[in-house]
Amino acid sequence: MTSRDDALRALNDSDWSGAEVDQSTAKVVHSTRLPPEVSSRLEAEAHRRGITPSALICELVDAGLAPVADDTTVTVRAADLRRAIDNVIHDAAA
């Protein structure tokens, strides 16, 4: 296809009776500027996962905001909190 007429002819020659309407929700674009080294890491990780950098950014933002969405108040005994912190420190030092 080299011209607009060729493209229109190809579209008209197609059988669209089995076509399905895309029901996915609309997306919103948030542009951001990343330092080159962060961009390289993003692209490498997206490639490793077999997804686009945009899809990876969506996953990371969603994961980062998840704890904020579940900001429930809990009551913990001070001794239990100290013990949990000590365990984390001990495990990190090991």
PDB file of N, CA and C in Angstrom:
ATOM      1  N   MET A   1       0.836  -1.181   0.000  1.00  0.00           N
ATOM      2  CA  MET A   1       0.000   0.000   0.000  1.00  0.00           C
ATOM      3  C   MET A   1       0.880   1.244   0.000  1.00  0.00           C
ATOM      4  N   THR A   2       0.687   1.996  -1.015  1.00  0.00           N
ATOM      5  CA  THR A   2       1.516   3.190  -1.116  1.00  0.00           C
ATOM      6  C   THR A   2       0.709   4.469  -1.107  1.00  0.00           C
ATOM      7  N   SER A   3      -0.593   4.334  -1.131  1.00  0.00           N
ATOM      8  CA  SER A   3      -1.384   5.556  -1.153  1.00  0.00           C
ATOM      9  C   SER A   3      -2.602   5.427  -0.248  1.00  0.00           C
ATOM     10  N   ARG A   4      -3.224   6.536  -0.026  1.00  0.00           N
ATOM     11  CA  ARG A   4      -4.436   6.570   0.798  1.00  0.00           C
ATOM     12  C   ARG A   4      -5.518   5.699   0.165  1.00  0.00           C
ATOM     13  N   ASP A   5      -5.645   5.751  -1.156  1.00  0.00           N
ATOM     14  CA  ASP A   5      -6.655   4.950  -1.858  1.00  0.00           C
ATOM     15  C   ASP A   5      -6.410   3.458  -1.665  1.00  0.00           C
ATOM     16  N   ASP A   6      -5.137   3.047  -1.707  1.00  0.00           N
ATOM     17  CA  ASP A   6      -4.803   1.640  -1.472  1.00  0.00           C
ATOM     18  C   ASP A   6      -5.204   1.223  -0.062  1.00  0.00           C
ATOM     19  N   ALA A   7      -4.938   2.088   0.913  1.00  0.00           N
ATOM     20  CA  ALA A   7      -5.290   1.785   2.304  1.00  0.00           C
ATOM     21  C   ALA A   7      -6.801   1.672   2.463  1.00  0.00           C
ATOM     22  N   LEU A   8      -7.546   2.594   1.882  1.00  0.00           N
ATOM     23  CA  LEU A   8      -9.009   2.544   1.965  1.00  0.00           C
ATOM     24  C   LEU A   8      -9.556   1.298   1.274  1.00  0.00           C
ATOM     25  N   ARG A   9      -8.989   0.935   0.139  1.00  0.00           N
ATOM     26  CA  ARG A   9      -9.414  -0.263  -0.581  1.00  0.00           C
ATOM     27  C   ARG A   9      -9.174  -1.508   0.283  1.00  0.00           C
ATOM     28  N   ALA A  10      -8.041  -1.574   0.951  1.00  0.00           N
ATOM     29  CA  ALA A  10      -7.734  -2.715   1.816  1.00  0.00           C
ATOM     30  C   ALA A  10      -8.721  -2.795   2.978  1.00  0.00           C
ATOM     31  N   LEU A  11      -9.062  -1.658   3.546  1.00  0.00           N
ATOM     32  CA  LEU A  11     -10.041  -1.641   4.639  1.00  0.00           C
ATOM     33  C   LEU A  11     -11.409  -2.100   4.158  1.00  0.00           C
ATOM     34  N   ASN A  12     -11.821  -1.653   2.990  1.00  0.00           N
ATOM     35  CA  ASN A  12     -13.135  -2.012   2.458  1.00  0.00           C
ATOM     36  C   ASN A  12     -13.205  -3.473   2.051  1.00  0.00           C
ATOM     37  N   ASP A  13     -12.084  -4.066   1.687  1.00  0.00           N
ATOM     38  CA  ASP A  13     -12.051  -5.468   1.277  1.00  0.00           C
ATOM     39  C   ASP A  13     -12.064  -6.421   2.467  1.00  0.00           C
ATOM     40  N   SER A  14     -11.916  -5.924   3.673  1.00  0.00           N
ATOM     41  CA  SER A  14     -11.853  -6.773   4.863  1.00  0.00           C
ATOM     42  C   SER A  14     -13.250  -7.082   5.382  1.00  0.00           C
ATOM     43  N   ASP A  15     -13.410  -8.278   5.942  1.00  0.00           N
ATOM     44  CA  ASP A  15     -14.673  -8.674   6.574  1.00  0.00           C
ATOM     45  C   ASP A  15     -14.579  -8.319   8.051  1.00  0.00           C
ATOM     46  N   TRP A  16     -15.319  -7.331   8.471  1.00  0.00           N
ATOM     47  CA  TRP A  16     -15.273  -6.840   9.847  1.00  0.00           C
ATOM     48  C   TRP A  16     -16.388  -7.431  10.711  1.00  0.00           C
ATOM     49  N   SER A  17     -17.153  -8.415  10.198  1.00  0.00           N
ATOM     50  CA  SER A  17     -18.301  -8.947  10.940  1.00  0.00           C
ATOM     51  C   SER A  17     -17.877  -9.650  12.229  1.00  0.00           C
ATOM     52  N   GLY A  18     -16.673 -10.180  12.289  1.00  0.00           N
ATOM     53  CA  GLY A  18     -16.209 -10.857  13.496  1.00  0.00           C
ATOM     54  C   GLY A  18     -15.386  -9.973  14.417  1.00  0.00           C
ATOM     55  N   ALA A  19     -15.305  -8.704  14.086  1.00  0.00           N
ATOM     56  CA  ALA A  19     -14.491  -7.787  14.895  1.00  0.00           C
ATOM     57  C   ALA A  19     -15.119  -7.571  16.263  1.00  0.00           C
ATOM     58  N   GLU A  20     -14.283  -7.374  17.256  1.00  0.00           N
ATOM     59  CA  GLU A  20     -14.747  -7.104  18.616  1.00  0.00           C
ATOM     60  C   GLU A  20     -14.345  -5.695  19.009  1.00  0.00           C
ATOM     61  N   VAL A  21     -15.238  -5.044  19.745  1.00  0.00           N
ATOM     62  CA  VAL A  21     -14.972  -3.688  20.217  1.00  0.00           C
ATOM     63  C   VAL A  21     -14.088  -3.771  21.448  1.00  0.00           C
ATOM     64  N   ASP A  22     -13.050  -2.969  21.489  1.00  0.00           N
ATOM     65  CA  ASP A  22     -12.160  -2.909  22.649  1.00  0.00           C
ATOM     66  C   ASP A  22     -12.908  -2.264  23.810  1.00  0.00           C
ATOM     67  N   GLN A  23     -13.102  -3.023  24.900  1.00  0.00           N
ATOM     68  CA  GLN A  23     -13.859  -2.538  26.052  1.00  0.00           C
ATOM     69  C   GLN A  23     -12.963  -2.037  27.183  1.00  0.00           C
ATOM     70  N   SER A  24     -11.666  -1.972  26.943  1.00  0.00           N
ATOM     71  CA  SER A  24     -10.759  -1.542  28.011  1.00  0.00           C
ATOM     72  C   SER A  24     -11.012  -0.080  28.370  1.00  0.00           C
ATOM     73  N   THR A  25     -10.699   0.244  29.615  1.00  0.00           N
ATOM     74  CA  THR A  25     -10.914   1.614  30.075  1.00  0.00           C
ATOM     75  C   THR A  25      -9.845   2.539  29.504  1.00  0.00           C
ATOM     76  N   ALA A  26     -10.201   3.776  29.392  1.00  0.00           N
ATOM     77  CA  ALA A  26      -9.257   4.770  28.882  1.00  0.00           C
ATOM     78  C   ALA A  26      -8.099   4.947  29.859  1.00  0.00           C
ATOM     79  N   LYS A  27      -6.970   5.307  29.350  1.00  0.00           N
ATOM     80  CA  LYS A  27      -5.780   5.541  30.165  1.00  0.00           C
ATOM     81  C   LYS A  27      -5.454   7.028  30.165  1.00  0.00           C
ATOM     82  N   VAL A  28      -4.769   7.463  31.199  1.00  0.00           N
ATOM     83  CA  VAL A  28      -4.343   8.854  31.327  1.00  0.00           C
ATOM     84  C   VAL A  28      -2.821   8.884  31.247  1.00  0.00           C
ATOM     85  N   VAL A  29      -2.287   9.807  30.503  1.00  0.00           N
ATOM     86  CA  VAL A  29      -0.838   9.933  30.342  1.00  0.00           C
ATOM     87  C   VAL A  29      -0.291  10.893  31.390  1.00  0.00           C
ATOM     88  N   HIS A  30       0.759  10.463  32.098  1.00  0.00           N
ATOM     89  CA  HIS A  30       1.507  11.310  33.026  1.00  0.00           C
ATOM     90  C   HIS A  30       2.958  11.294  32.549  1.00  0.00           C
ATOM     91  N   SER A  31       3.382  12.375  31.987  1.00  0.00           N
ATOM     92  CA  SER A  31       4.737  12.461  31.459  1.00  0.00           C
ATOM     93  C   SER A  31       5.713  12.741  32.595  1.00  0.00           C
ATOM     94  N   THR A  32       6.870  12.101  32.529  1.00  0.00           N
ATOM     95  CA  THR A  32       7.907  12.331  33.538  1.00  0.00           C
ATOM     96  C   THR A  32       9.273  12.281  32.861  1.00  0.00           C
ATOM     97  N   ARG A  33      10.232  12.925  33.469  1.00  0.00           N
ATOM     98  CA  ARG A  33      11.599  12.912  32.941  1.00  0.00           C
ATOM     99  C   ARG A  33      12.470  12.099  33.903  1.00  0.00           C
ATOM    100  N   LEU A  34      13.174  11.133  33.332  1.00  0.00           N
ATOM    101  CA  LEU A  34      14.037  10.269  34.125  1.00  0.00           C
ATOM    102  C   LEU A  34      15.492  10.507  33.752  1.00  0.00           C
ATOM    103  N   PRO A  35      16.380  10.420  34.735  1.00  0.00           N
ATOM    104  CA  PRO A  35      17.805  10.471  34.403  1.00  0.00           C
ATOM    105  C   PRO A  35      18.149   9.275  33.498  1.00  0.00           C
ATOM    106  N   PRO A  36      19.132   9.419  32.640  1.00  0.00           N
ATOM    107  CA  PRO A  36      19.472   8.337  31.708  1.00  0.00           C
ATOM    108  C   PRO A  36      19.725   6.992  32.389  1.00  0.00           C
ATOM    109  N   GLU A  37      20.384   7.016  33.545  1.00  0.00           N
ATOM    110  CA  GLU A  37      20.679   5.731  34.199  1.00  0.00           C
ATOM    111  C   GLU A  37      19.409   5.071  34.731  1.00  0.00           C
ATOM    112  N   VAL A  38      18.450   5.859  35.204  1.00  0.00           N
ATOM    113  CA  VAL A  38      17.176   5.296  35.672  1.00  0.00           C
ATOM    114  C   VAL A  38      16.385   4.767  34.476  1.00  0.00           C
ATOM    115  N   SER A  39      16.397   5.506  33.383  1.00  0.00           N
ATOM    116  CA  SER A  39      15.711   5.072  32.168  1.00  0.00           C
ATOM    117  C   SER A  39      16.290   3.750  31.662  1.00  0.00           C
ATOM    118  N   SER A  40      17.593   3.619  31.703  1.00  0.00           N
ATOM    119  CA  SER A  40      18.240   2.376  31.267  1.00  0.00           C
ATOM    120  C   SER A  40      17.833   1.209  32.147  1.00  0.00           C
ATOM    121  N   ARG A  41      17.802   1.442  33.456  1.00  0.00           N
ATOM    122  CA  ARG A  41      17.388   0.380  34.384  1.00  0.00           C
ATOM    123  C   ARG A  41      15.932   0.000  34.152  1.00  0.00           C
ATOM    124  N   LEU A  42      15.084   1.006  33.923  1.00  0.00           N
ATOM    125  CA  LEU A  42      13.666   0.763  33.653  1.00  0.00           C
ATOM    126  C   LEU A  42      13.502  -0.092  32.398  1.00  0.00           C
ATOM    127  N   GLU A  43      14.178   0.289  31.332  1.00  0.00           N
ATOM    128  CA  GLU A  43      14.073  -0.450  30.080  1.00  0.00           C
ATOM    129  C   GLU A  43      14.611  -1.869  30.221  1.00  0.00           C
ATOM    130  N   ALA A  44      15.706  -2.036  30.948  1.00  0.00           N
ATOM    131  CA  ALA A  44      16.278  -3.368  31.147  1.00  0.00           C
ATOM    132  C   ALA A  44      15.325  -4.255  31.944  1.00  0.00           C
ATOM    133  N   GLU A  45      14.731  -3.708  32.991  1.00  0.00           N
ATOM    134  CA  GLU A  45      13.802  -4.498  33.812  1.00  0.00           C
ATOM    135  C   GLU A  45      12.541  -4.843  33.026  1.00  0.00           C
ATOM    136  N   ALA A  46      12.040  -3.893  32.248  1.00  0.00           N
ATOM    137  CA  ALA A  46      10.862  -4.163  31.421  1.00  0.00           C
ATOM    138  C   ALA A  46      11.173  -5.267  30.406  1.00  0.00           C
ATOM    139  N   HIS A  47      12.345  -5.189  29.795  1.00  0.00           N
ATOM    140  CA  HIS A  47      12.759  -6.219  28.835  1.00  0.00           C
ATOM    141  C   HIS A  47      12.874  -7.573  29.522  1.00  0.00           C
ATOM    142  N   ARG A  48      13.456  -7.595  30.716  1.00  0.00           N
ATOM    143  CA  ARG A  48      13.604  -8.846  31.471  1.00  0.00           C
ATOM    144  C   ARG A  48      12.242  -9.475  31.756  1.00  0.00           C
ATOM    145  N   ARG A  49      11.241  -8.643  32.059  1.00  0.00           N
ATOM    146  CA  ARG A  49       9.898  -9.139  32.372  1.00  0.00           C
ATOM    147  C   ARG A  49       9.058  -9.407  31.122  1.00  0.00           C
ATOM    148  N   GLY A  50       9.548  -8.952  29.978  1.00  0.00           N
ATOM    149  CA  GLY A  50       8.805  -9.150  28.741  1.00  0.00           C
ATOM    150  C   GLY A  50       7.606  -8.227  28.601  1.00  0.00           C
ATOM    151  N   ILE A  51       7.705  -7.029  29.187  1.00  0.00           N
ATOM    152  CA  ILE A  51       6.626  -6.044  29.097  1.00  0.00           C
ATOM    153  C   ILE A  51       7.207  -4.712  28.639  1.00  0.00           C
ATOM    154  N   THR A  52       6.347  -3.771  28.376  1.00  0.00           N
ATOM    155  CA  THR A  52       6.815  -2.448  27.957  1.00  0.00           C
ATOM    156  C   THR A  52       7.224  -1.630  29.178  1.00  0.00           C
ATOM    157  N   PRO A  53       8.086  -0.641  28.989  1.00  0.00           N
ATOM    158  CA  PRO A  53       8.409   0.252  30.103  1.00  0.00           C
ATOM    159  C   PRO A  53       7.157   0.911  30.689  1.00  0.00           C
ATOM    160  N   SER A  54       6.194   1.247  29.851  1.00  0.00           N
ATOM    161  CA  SER A  54       4.953   1.854  30.333  1.00  0.00           C
ATOM    162  C   SER A  54       4.198   0.903  31.261  1.00  0.00           C
ATOM    163  N   ALA A  55       4.114  -0.369  30.880  1.00  0.00           N
ATOM    164  CA  ALA A  55       3.431  -1.358  31.726  1.00  0.00           C
ATOM    165  C   ALA A  55       4.170  -1.537  33.051  1.00  0.00           C
ATOM    166  N   LEU A  56       5.500  -1.526  33.009  1.00  0.00           N
ATOM    167  CA  LEU A  56       6.284  -1.655  34.237  1.00  0.00           C
ATOM    168  C   LEU A  56       6.056  -0.460  35.153  1.00  0.00           C
ATOM    169  N   ILE A  57       6.029   0.739  34.586  1.00  0.00           N
ATOM    170  CA  ILE A  57       5.772   1.931  35.393  1.00  0.00           C
ATOM    171  C   ILE A  57       4.408   1.812  36.064  1.00  0.00           C
ATOM    172  N   CYS A  58       3.393   1.351  35.325  1.00  0.00           N
ATOM    173  CA  CYS A  58       2.056   1.167  35.912  1.00  0.00           C
ATOM    174  C   CYS A  58       2.106   0.200  37.089  1.00  0.00           C
ATOM    175  N   GLU A  59       2.806  -0.934  36.922  1.00  0.00           N
ATOM    176  CA  GLU A  59       2.925  -1.917  38.001  1.00  0.00           C
ATOM    177  C   GLU A  59       3.622  -1.317  39.218  1.00  0.00           C
ATOM    178  N   LEU A  60       4.719  -0.602  38.990  1.00  0.00           N
ATOM    179  CA  LEU A  60       5.489  -0.043  40.097  1.00  0.00           C
ATOM    180  C   LEU A  60       4.717   1.039  40.841  1.00  0.00           C
ATOM    181  N   VAL A  61       4.014   1.890  40.105  1.00  0.00           N
ATOM    182  CA  VAL A  61       3.215   2.941  40.749  1.00  0.00           C
ATOM    183  C   VAL A  61       2.090   2.307  41.551  1.00  0.00           C
ATOM    184  N   ASP A  62       1.422   1.314  40.968  1.00  0.00           N
ATOM    185  CA  ASP A  62       0.335   0.638  41.676  1.00  0.00           C
ATOM    186  C   ASP A  62       0.844  -0.029  42.955  1.00  0.00           C
ATOM    187  N   ALA A  63       1.990  -0.698  42.873  1.00  0.00           N
ATOM    188  CA  ALA A  63       2.566  -1.345  44.059  1.00  0.00           C
ATOM    189  C   ALA A  63       2.988  -0.316  45.101  1.00  0.00           C
ATOM    190  N   GLY A  64       3.512   0.807  44.647  1.00  0.00           N
ATOM    191  CA  GLY A  64       3.935   1.852  45.578  1.00  0.00           C
ATOM    192  C   GLY A  64       2.779   2.529  46.278  1.00  0.00           C
ATOM    193  N   LEU A  65       1.645   2.638  45.592  1.00  0.00           N
ATOM    194  CA  LEU A  65       0.481   3.293  46.186  1.00  0.00           C
ATOM    195  C   LEU A  65      -0.384   2.337  47.006  1.00  0.00           C
ATOM    196  N   ALA A  66      -0.203   1.045  46.844  1.00  0.00           N
ATOM    197  CA  ALA A  66      -1.019   0.069  47.568  1.00  0.00           C
ATOM    198  C   ALA A  66      -0.945   0.244  49.083  1.00  0.00           C
ATOM    199  N   PRO A  67       0.255   0.411  49.672  1.00  0.00           N
ATOM    200  CA  PRO A  67       0.296   0.601  51.127  1.00  0.00           C
ATOM    201  C   PRO A  67      -0.437   1.867  51.576  1.00  0.00           C
ATOM    202  N   VAL A  68      -0.443   2.894  50.761  1.00  0.00           N
ATOM    203  CA  VAL A  68      -1.131   4.138  51.106  1.00  0.00           C
ATOM    204  C   VAL A  68      -2.633   3.906  51.160  1.00  0.00           C
ATOM    205  N   ALA A  69      -3.142   3.069  50.254  1.00  0.00           N
ATOM    206  CA  ALA A  69      -4.576   2.796  50.201  1.00  0.00           C
ATOM    207  C   ALA A  69      -5.035   2.013  51.422  1.00  0.00           C
ATOM    208  N   ASP A  70      -4.159   1.203  51.990  1.00  0.00           N
ATOM    209  CA  ASP A  70      -4.516   0.399  53.158  1.00  0.00           C
ATOM    210  C   ASP A  70      -3.846   0.986  54.391  1.00  0.00           C
ATOM    211  N   ASP A  71      -4.163   2.206  54.722  1.00  0.00           N
ATOM    212  CA  ASP A  71      -3.538   2.903  55.845  1.00  0.00           C
ATOM    213  C   ASP A  71      -4.405   2.775  57.096  1.00  0.00           C
ATOM    214  N   THR A  72      -4.712   1.519  57.458  1.00  0.00           N
ATOM    215  CA  THR A  72      -5.551   1.295  58.629  1.00  0.00           C
ATOM    216  C   THR A  72      -4.724   1.400  59.904  1.00  0.00           C
ATOM    217  N   THR A  73      -5.361   1.855  60.967  1.00  0.00           N
ATOM    218  CA  THR A  73      -4.705   1.964  62.261  1.00  0.00           C
ATOM    219  C   THR A  73      -4.763   0.611  62.955  1.00  0.00           C
ATOM    220  N   VAL A  74      -3.634   0.180  63.483  1.00  0.00           N
ATOM    221  CA  VAL A  74      -3.575  -1.076  64.232  1.00  0.00           C
ATOM    222  C   VAL A  74      -2.950  -0.810  65.589  1.00  0.00           C
ATOM    223  N   THR A  75      -3.309  -1.641  66.535  1.00  0.00           N
ATOM    224  CA  THR A  75      -2.735  -1.528  67.872  1.00  0.00           C
ATOM    225  C   THR A  75      -1.756  -2.672  68.071  1.00  0.00           C
ATOM    226  N   VAL A  76      -0.535  -2.328  68.445  1.00  0.00           N
ATOM    227  CA  VAL A  76       0.510  -3.320  68.663  1.00  0.00           C
ATOM    228  C   VAL A  76       1.154  -3.027  70.003  1.00  0.00           C
ATOM    229  N   ARG A  77       1.388  -4.076  70.758  1.00  0.00           N
ATOM    230  CA  ARG A  77       2.094  -3.877  72.030  1.00  0.00           C
ATOM    231  C   ARG A  77       3.525  -3.452  71.736  1.00  0.00           C
ATOM    232  N   ALA A  78       4.054  -2.555  72.543  1.00  0.00           N
ATOM    233  CA  ALA A  78       5.413  -2.036  72.349  1.00  0.00           C
ATOM    234  C   ALA A  78       6.439  -3.167  72.353  1.00  0.00           C
ATOM    235  N   ALA A  79       6.262  -4.143  73.240  1.00  0.00           N
ATOM    236  CA  ALA A  79       7.206  -5.265  73.320  1.00  0.00           C
ATOM    237  C   ALA A  79       7.209  -6.065  72.014  1.00  0.00           C
ATOM    238  N   ASP A  80       6.035  -6.264  71.427  1.00  0.00           N
ATOM    239  CA  ASP A  80       5.956  -6.994  70.158  1.00  0.00           C
ATOM    240  C   ASP A  80       6.624  -6.212  69.033  1.00  0.00           C
ATOM    241  N   LEU A  81       6.441  -4.890  69.046  1.00  0.00           N
ATOM    242  CA  LEU A  81       7.069  -4.047  68.036  1.00  0.00           C
ATOM    243  C   LEU A  81       8.589  -4.093  68.159  1.00  0.00           C
ATOM    244  N   ARG A  82       9.091  -3.972  69.402  1.00  0.00           N
ATOM    245  CA  ARG A  82      10.547  -4.045  69.623  1.00  0.00           C
ATOM    246  C   ARG A  82      11.098  -5.392  69.158  1.00  0.00           C
ATOM    247  N   ARG A  83      10.388  -6.456  69.486  1.00  0.00           N
ATOM    248  CA  ARG A  83      10.833  -7.798  69.109  1.00  0.00           C
ATOM    249  C   ARG A  83      10.875  -7.930  67.574  1.00  0.00           C
ATOM    250  N   ALA A  84       9.872  -7.407  66.893  1.00  0.00           N
ATOM    251  CA  ALA A  84       9.841  -7.480  65.431  1.00  0.00           C
ATOM    252  C   ALA A  84      10.998  -6.690  64.823  1.00  0.00           C
ATOM    253  N   ILE A  85      11.257  -5.506  65.355  1.00  0.00           N
ATOM    254  CA  ILE A  85      12.374  -4.690  64.860  1.00  0.00           C
ATOM    255  C   ILE A  85      13.699  -5.389  65.119  1.00  0.00           C
ATOM    256  N   ASP A  86      13.863  -5.949  66.305  1.00  0.00           N
ATOM    257  CA  ASP A  86      15.093  -6.685  66.622  1.00  0.00           C
ATOM    258  C   ASP A  86      15.291  -7.860  65.664  1.00  0.00           C
ATOM    259  N   ASN A  87      14.210  -8.562  65.334  1.00  0.00           N
ATOM    260  CA  ASN A  87      14.311  -9.700  64.412  1.00  0.00           C
ATOM    261  C   ASN A  87      14.742  -9.250  63.018  1.00  0.00           C
ATOM    262  N   VAL A  88      14.203  -8.141  62.560  1.00  0.00           N
ATOM    263  CA  VAL A  88      14.578  -7.625  61.242  1.00  0.00           C
ATOM    264  C   VAL A  88      16.048  -7.227  61.235  1.00  0.00           C
ATOM    265  N   ILE A  89      16.477  -6.541  62.280  1.00  0.00           N
ATOM    266  CA  ILE A  89      17.880  -6.125  62.375  1.00  0.00           C
ATOM    267  C   ILE A  89      18.790  -7.343  62.433  1.00  0.00           C
ATOM    268  N   HIS A  90      18.405  -8.331  63.220  1.00  0.00           N
ATOM    269  CA  HIS A  90      19.203  -9.550  63.349  1.00  0.00           C
ATOM    270  C   HIS A  90      19.306 -10.269  62.005  1.00  0.00           C
ATOM    271  N   ASP A  91      18.158 -10.394  61.298  1.00  0.00           N
ATOM    272  CA  ASP A  91      18.159 -11.075  59.999  1.00  0.00           C
ATOM    273  C   ASP A  91      18.987 -10.311  58.967  1.00  0.00           C
ATOM    274  N   ALA A  92      18.931  -8.982  59.008  1.00  0.00           N
ATOM    275  CA  ALA A  92      19.693  -8.172  58.058  1.00  0.00           C
ATOM    276  C   ALA A  92      21.190  -8.283  58.314  1.00  0.00           C
ATOM    277  N   ALA A  93      21.575  -8.438  59.569  1.00  0.00           N
ATOM    278  CA  ALA A  93      22.992  -8.526  59.923  1.00  0.00           C
ATOM    279  C   ALA A  93      23.562  -9.908  59.630  1.00  0.00           C
ATOM    280  N   ALA A  94      22.706 -10.895  59.515  1.00  0.00           N
ATOM    281  CA  ALA A  94      23.173 -12.284  59.318  1.00  0.00           C
ATOM    282  C   ALA A  94      23.643 -12.540  57.911  1.00  0.00           C
TER     283      ALA A  94
END
